[in-house]
Amino acid sequence: NDGSAKAGYTAPSVEGQAEVILAAQAIAGVSADTVSYIETHGTGTTIGDPIEIAALTQAFRETTGRRGFCAIGSVKTNVGHLDAAAGVAGLIKTVLSLKHWTVPPSLHFEQPNPQIDFDNSPFYVNTRSKDWPSGLLPRCAGVSSFGIGGTNVHVIVEEAPAVKSSVSSR
């Protein structure tokens, strides 16, 4: 919780969000270069979204200078804001995306908030469903959930390892 480090009770803090994103990456042992999708809190507000992208950019810039490689989305474009269940809905969406190797689209996106500098960030808004390519490392995503009053959560999820099938001789 970033408590008094925020401008107000409902205003999020770039520093608090960046700190929790960096902590999640450190605990998971991943660098930003390996994260190819972020399920954002994505409130669609003129204040919250620029702060969230600024925090993500600040955190990612600790380990990468790459631009435009990480898709972002928010379950809120699919079902609206689910209040206390928003974070878990985003987690479920991300796990299903990993399972099906598909980056889901952000629905109804027309143009970015002019306060967000996507061109100089690691992020882009994914506007269509697309295959989630595999690489040398497992597919990896982050999920953010930021609550009123400064309760910040970010988790890293990675695709499950392939299960080797075994054929029984019976």
C-alpha atoms as a PDB file:
ATOM      1  CA  ASN A   1       0.000   0.000   0.000  1.00  0.00           C
ATOM      2  CA  ASP A   2       1.496   3.324  -1.016  1.00  0.00           C
ATOM      3  CA  GLY A   3      -0.660   5.186   1.528  1.00  0.00           C
ATOM      4  CA  SER A   4       0.522   8.749   2.084  1.00  0.00           C
ATOM      5  CA  ALA A   5       2.831   8.692  -0.977  1.00  0.00           C
ATOM      6  CA  LYS A   6      -0.220   9.429  -3.149  1.00  0.00           C
ATOM      7  CA  ALA A   7      -1.766  12.766  -4.026  1.00  0.00           C
ATOM      8  CA  GLY A   8      -5.051  11.679  -2.450  1.00  0.00           C
ATOM      9  CA  TYR A   9      -7.084   8.723  -1.273  1.00  0.00           C
ATOM     10  CA  THR A  10      -8.400   7.834  -4.736  1.00  0.00           C
ATOM     11  CA  ALA A  11      -5.412   9.051  -6.779  1.00  0.00           C
ATOM     12  CA  PRO A  12      -2.913   6.323  -7.648  1.00  0.00           C
ATOM     13  CA  SER A  13       0.843   6.737  -7.272  1.00  0.00           C
ATOM     14  CA  VAL A  14       3.366   6.026 -10.046  1.00  0.00           C
ATOM     15  CA  GLU A  15       6.010   5.128  -7.472  1.00  0.00           C
ATOM     16  CA  GLY A  16       3.793   2.702  -5.533  1.00  0.00           C
ATOM     17  CA  GLN A  17       2.675   0.889  -8.669  1.00  0.00           C
ATOM     18  CA  ALA A  18       6.200   0.736 -10.139  1.00  0.00           C
ATOM     19  CA  GLU A  19       7.528  -0.630  -6.836  1.00  0.00           C
ATOM     20  CA  VAL A  20       5.030  -3.504  -6.733  1.00  0.00           C
ATOM     21  CA  ILE A  21       5.648  -4.350 -10.422  1.00  0.00           C
ATOM     22  CA  LEU A  22       9.402  -4.485  -9.826  1.00  0.00           C
ATOM     23  CA  ALA A  23       8.897  -6.599  -6.702  1.00  0.00           C
ATOM     24  CA  ALA A  24       6.747  -9.102  -8.631  1.00  0.00           C
ATOM     25  CA  GLN A  25       9.358  -9.374 -11.385  1.00  0.00           C
ATOM     26  CA  ALA A  26      12.130  -9.861  -8.816  1.00  0.00           C
ATOM     27  CA  ILE A  27      10.209 -12.542  -6.902  1.00  0.00           C
ATOM     28  CA  ALA A  28       9.414 -14.352 -10.173  1.00  0.00           C
ATOM     29  CA  GLY A  29      13.014 -14.014 -11.342  1.00  0.00           C
ATOM     30  CA  VAL A  30      12.068 -12.461 -14.685  1.00  0.00           C
ATOM     31  CA  SER A  31      13.247  -9.378 -16.500  1.00  0.00           C
ATOM     32  CA  ALA A  32      10.857  -7.092 -18.323  1.00  0.00           C
ATOM     33  CA  ASP A  33      12.164  -8.387 -21.670  1.00  0.00           C
ATOM     34  CA  THR A  34      10.475 -11.735 -21.024  1.00  0.00           C
ATOM     35  CA  VAL A  35       7.025 -10.289 -20.276  1.00  0.00           C
ATOM     36  CA  SER A  36       5.007 -10.063 -23.486  1.00  0.00           C
ATOM     37  CA  TYR A  37       1.541  -9.254 -22.111  1.00  0.00           C
ATOM     38  CA  ILE A  38       0.253  -7.107 -19.255  1.00  0.00           C
ATOM     39  CA  GLU A  39      -3.304  -7.395 -18.032  1.00  0.00           C
ATOM     40  CA  THR A  40      -3.617  -3.850 -16.762  1.00  0.00           C
ATOM     41  CA  HIS A  41      -5.919  -2.507 -14.114  1.00  0.00           C
ATOM     42  CA  GLY A  42      -7.084  -0.298 -16.995  1.00  0.00           C
ATOM     43  CA  THR A  43      -9.819   1.825 -15.501  1.00  0.00           C
ATOM     44  CA  GLY A  44     -10.215   3.878 -18.668  1.00  0.00           C
ATOM     45  CA  THR A  45      -9.892   7.092 -16.657  1.00  0.00           C
ATOM     46  CA  THR A  46      -7.972  10.183 -17.741  1.00  0.00           C
ATOM     47  CA  ILE A  47      -5.929  10.145 -14.520  1.00  0.00           C
ATOM     48  CA  GLY A  48      -5.506   6.447 -13.738  1.00  0.00           C
ATOM     49  CA  ASP A  49      -4.450   5.070 -17.125  1.00  0.00           C
ATOM     50  CA  PRO A  50      -1.555   7.515 -17.716  1.00  0.00           C
ATOM     51  CA  ILE A  51      -0.292   6.836 -14.185  1.00  0.00           C
ATOM     52  CA  GLU A  52      -0.511   3.076 -14.719  1.00  0.00           C
ATOM     53  CA  ILE A  53       1.416   3.185 -18.016  1.00  0.00           C
ATOM     54  CA  ALA A  54       3.983   5.561 -16.476  1.00  0.00           C
ATOM     55  CA  ALA A  55       4.469   3.100 -13.590  1.00  0.00           C
ATOM     56  CA  LEU A  56       4.758   0.118 -15.928  1.00  0.00           C
ATOM     57  CA  THR A  57       7.218   2.021 -18.113  1.00  0.00           C
ATOM     58  CA  GLN A  58       9.287   3.077 -15.090  1.00  0.00           C
ATOM     59  CA  ALA A  59       9.428  -0.519 -13.865  1.00  0.00           C
ATOM     60  CA  PHE A  60      10.242  -1.996 -17.284  1.00  0.00           C
ATOM     61  CA  ARG A  61      12.949   0.610 -17.918  1.00  0.00           C
ATOM     62  CA  GLU A  62      14.907  -0.884 -15.011  1.00  0.00           C
ATOM     63  CA  THR A  63      15.829  -3.840 -17.263  1.00  0.00           C
ATOM     64  CA  THR A  64      14.993  -2.938 -20.873  1.00  0.00           C
ATOM     65  CA  GLY A  65      15.061  -0.059 -23.317  1.00  0.00           C
ATOM     66  CA  ARG A  66      12.952  -1.886 -25.913  1.00  0.00           C
ATOM     67  CA  ARG A  67       9.835  -0.221 -27.289  1.00  0.00           C
ATOM     68  CA  GLY A  68       6.454  -1.552 -28.351  1.00  0.00           C
ATOM     69  CA  PHE A  69       7.045  -5.238 -27.601  1.00  0.00           C
ATOM     70  CA  CYS A  70       4.560  -5.853 -24.783  1.00  0.00           C
ATOM     71  CA  ALA A  71       0.808  -5.975 -25.415  1.00  0.00           C
ATOM     72  CA  ILE A  72      -1.567  -4.513 -22.852  1.00  0.00           C
ATOM     73  CA  GLY A  73      -5.208  -5.189 -22.260  1.00  0.00           C
ATOM     74  CA  SER A  74      -7.859  -5.003 -19.584  1.00  0.00           C
ATOM     75  CA  VAL A  75     -10.736  -7.327 -18.769  1.00  0.00           C
ATOM     76  CA  LYS A  76     -12.800  -4.199 -18.110  1.00  0.00           C
ATOM     77  CA  THR A  77     -13.179  -3.750 -21.889  1.00  0.00           C
ATOM     78  CA  ASN A  78     -14.894  -7.147 -21.965  1.00  0.00           C
ATOM     79  CA  VAL A  79     -17.142  -7.068 -18.908  1.00  0.00           C
ATOM     80  CA  GLY A  80     -16.850  -3.683 -17.207  1.00  0.00           C
ATOM     81  CA  HIS A  81     -15.453  -3.019 -13.751  1.00  0.00           C
ATOM     82  CA  LEU A  82     -16.073  -5.875 -11.348  1.00  0.00           C
ATOM     83  CA  ASP A  83     -15.135  -3.969  -8.189  1.00  0.00           C
ATOM     84  CA  ALA A  84     -13.362  -6.316  -5.759  1.00  0.00           C
ATOM     85  CA  ALA A  85     -13.405  -9.166  -8.317  1.00  0.00           C
ATOM     86  CA  ALA A  86     -11.624  -7.152 -11.057  1.00  0.00           C
ATOM     87  CA  GLY A  87      -8.153  -8.445 -10.186  1.00  0.00           C
ATOM     88  CA  VAL A  88      -9.116 -12.109 -10.116  1.00  0.00           C
ATOM     89  CA  ALA A  89     -11.076 -11.714 -13.374  1.00  0.00           C
ATOM     90  CA  GLY A  90      -7.916 -10.278 -14.983  1.00  0.00           C
ATOM     91  CA  LEU A  91      -5.879 -13.181 -13.622  1.00  0.00           C
ATOM     92  CA  ILE A  92      -8.361 -15.730 -15.000  1.00  0.00           C
ATOM     93  CA  LYS A  93      -8.353 -13.994 -18.403  1.00  0.00           C
ATOM     94  CA  THR A  94      -4.543 -14.038 -18.480  1.00  0.00           C
ATOM     95  CA  VAL A  95      -4.270 -17.704 -17.477  1.00  0.00           C
ATOM     96  CA  LEU A  96      -6.758 -18.635 -20.202  1.00  0.00           C
ATOM     97  CA  SER A  97      -4.792 -16.533 -22.688  1.00  0.00           C
ATOM     98  CA  LEU A  98      -1.625 -18.419 -21.779  1.00  0.00           C
ATOM     99  CA  LYS A  99      -3.439 -21.756 -22.059  1.00  0.00           C
ATOM    100  CA  HIS A 100      -4.730 -20.927 -25.546  1.00  0.00           C
ATOM    101  CA  TRP A 101      -1.553 -19.089 -26.700  1.00  0.00           C
ATOM    102  CA  THR A 102      -3.672 -16.103 -27.699  1.00  0.00           C
ATOM    103  CA  VAL A 103      -3.236 -12.420 -26.905  1.00  0.00           C
ATOM    104  CA  PRO A 104      -6.769 -11.107 -26.382  1.00  0.00           C
ATOM    105  CA  PRO A 105      -7.901  -7.805 -27.863  1.00  0.00           C
ATOM    106  CA  SER A 106      -8.764  -4.633 -25.998  1.00  0.00           C
ATOM    107  CA  LEU A 107     -12.285  -3.972 -27.161  1.00  0.00           C
ATOM    108  CA  HIS A 108     -13.598  -0.537 -28.133  1.00  0.00           C
ATOM    109  CA  PHE A 109     -10.119   1.050 -28.289  1.00  0.00           C
ATOM    110  CA  GLU A 110     -10.074   3.955 -30.734  1.00  0.00           C
ATOM    111  CA  GLN A 111      -7.222   6.254 -29.773  1.00  0.00           C
ATOM    112  CA  PRO A 112      -4.804   6.511 -26.877  1.00  0.00           C
ATOM    113  CA  ASN A 113      -5.079   9.020 -24.100  1.00  0.00           C
ATOM    114  CA  PRO A 114      -2.858  11.927 -25.265  1.00  0.00           C
ATOM    115  CA  GLN A 115      -1.125  11.844 -21.859  1.00  0.00           C
ATOM    116  CA  ILE A 116       0.257   8.362 -22.622  1.00  0.00           C
ATOM    117  CA  ASP A 117       3.426   8.188 -24.715  1.00  0.00           C
ATOM    118  CA  PHE A 118       3.105   4.696 -26.170  1.00  0.00           C
ATOM    119  CA  ASP A 119       5.739   5.412 -28.845  1.00  0.00           C
ATOM    120  CA  ASN A 120       8.478   5.659 -26.201  1.00  0.00           C
ATOM    121  CA  SER A 121       7.184   2.889 -23.953  1.00  0.00           C
ATOM    122  CA  PRO A 122       7.518  -0.881 -24.054  1.00  0.00           C
ATOM    123  CA  PHE A 123       3.755  -1.171 -24.566  1.00  0.00           C
ATOM    124  CA  TYR A 124       1.079  -1.189 -27.244  1.00  0.00           C
ATOM    125  CA  VAL A 125      -2.667  -1.640 -27.027  1.00  0.00           C
ATOM    126  CA  ASN A 126      -3.581  -4.931 -28.648  1.00  0.00           C
ATOM    127  CA  THR A 127      -6.749  -4.322 -30.668  1.00  0.00           C
ATOM    128  CA  ARG A 128      -7.292  -7.740 -32.238  1.00  0.00           C
ATOM    129  CA  SER A 129      -7.023 -11.333 -31.115  1.00  0.00           C
ATOM    130  CA  LYS A 130      -3.696 -12.767 -32.229  1.00  0.00           C
ATOM    131  CA  ASP A 131      -1.478 -15.764 -31.733  1.00  0.00           C
ATOM    132  CA  TRP A 132       0.894 -15.488 -28.787  1.00  0.00           C
ATOM    133  CA  PRO A 133       4.189 -16.646 -30.250  1.00  0.00           C
ATOM    134  CA  SER A 134       6.488 -18.949 -28.359  1.00  0.00           C
ATOM    135  CA  GLY A 135      10.183 -18.344 -27.953  1.00  0.00           C
ATOM    136  CA  LEU A 136      13.154 -19.766 -26.148  1.00  0.00           C
ATOM    137  CA  LEU A 137      11.494 -18.946 -22.823  1.00  0.00           C
ATOM    138  CA  PRO A 138       7.933 -19.755 -21.707  1.00  0.00           C
ATOM    139  CA  ARG A 139       5.252 -17.170 -22.442  1.00  0.00           C
ATOM    140  CA  CYS A 140       5.120 -14.724 -19.539  1.00  0.00           C
ATOM    141  CA  ALA A 141       2.580 -12.100 -18.472  1.00  0.00           C
ATOM    142  CA  GLY A 142       1.934  -9.626 -15.680  1.00  0.00           C
ATOM    143  CA  VAL A 143      -1.403  -8.885 -14.048  1.00  0.00           C
ATOM    144  CA  SER A 144      -2.025  -5.626 -12.201  1.00  0.00           C
ATOM    145  CA  SER A 145      -4.810  -4.801  -9.785  1.00  0.00           C
ATOM    146  CA  PHE A 146      -4.779  -1.445  -8.042  1.00  0.00           C
ATOM    147  CA  GLY A 147      -7.342  -0.718  -5.358  1.00  0.00           C
ATOM    148  CA  ILE A 148      -8.715   2.497  -3.979  1.00  0.00           C
ATOM    149  CA  GLY A 149      -6.656   3.846  -1.133  1.00  0.00           C
ATOM    150  CA  GLY A 150      -3.372   2.620  -2.627  1.00  0.00           C
ATOM    151  CA  THR A 151      -3.529  -1.157  -2.360  1.00  0.00           C
ATOM    152  CA  ASN A 152      -1.312  -2.278  -5.248  1.00  0.00           C
ATOM    153  CA  VAL A 153      -0.949  -5.848  -6.511  1.00  0.00           C
ATOM    154  CA  HIS A 154       1.004  -7.221  -9.467  1.00  0.00           C
ATOM    155  CA  VAL A 155       1.672 -10.880 -10.223  1.00  0.00           C
ATOM    156  CA  ILE A 156       3.733 -12.606 -12.868  1.00  0.00           C
ATOM    157  CA  VAL A 157       2.263 -15.689 -14.527  1.00  0.00           C
ATOM    158  CA  GLU A 158       3.992 -18.018 -16.927  1.00  0.00           C
ATOM    159  CA  GLU A 159       2.682 -20.729 -19.202  1.00  0.00           C
ATOM    160  CA  ALA A 160       2.728 -24.224 -17.780  1.00  0.00           C
ATOM    161  CA  PRO A 161       5.481 -26.520 -18.986  1.00  0.00           C
ATOM    162  CA  ALA A 162       4.563 -28.918 -21.759  1.00  0.00           C
ATOM    163  CA  VAL A 163       3.432 -32.284 -20.481  1.00  0.00           C
ATOM    164  CA  LYS A 164       5.169 -35.192 -22.135  1.00  0.00           C
ATOM    165  CA  SER A 165       2.666 -37.810 -23.091  1.00  0.00           C
ATOM    166  CA  SER A 166       3.403 -41.313 -22.068  1.00  0.00           C
ATOM    167  CA  VAL A 167       1.987 -44.227 -23.933  1.00  0.00           C
ATOM    168  CA  SER A 168       1.136 -47.172 -21.792  1.00  0.00           C
ATOM    169  CA  SER A 169       2.104 -50.598 -23.005  1.00  0.00           C
ATOM    170  CA  ARG A 170      -1.088 -51.980 -21.525  1.00  0.00           C
END
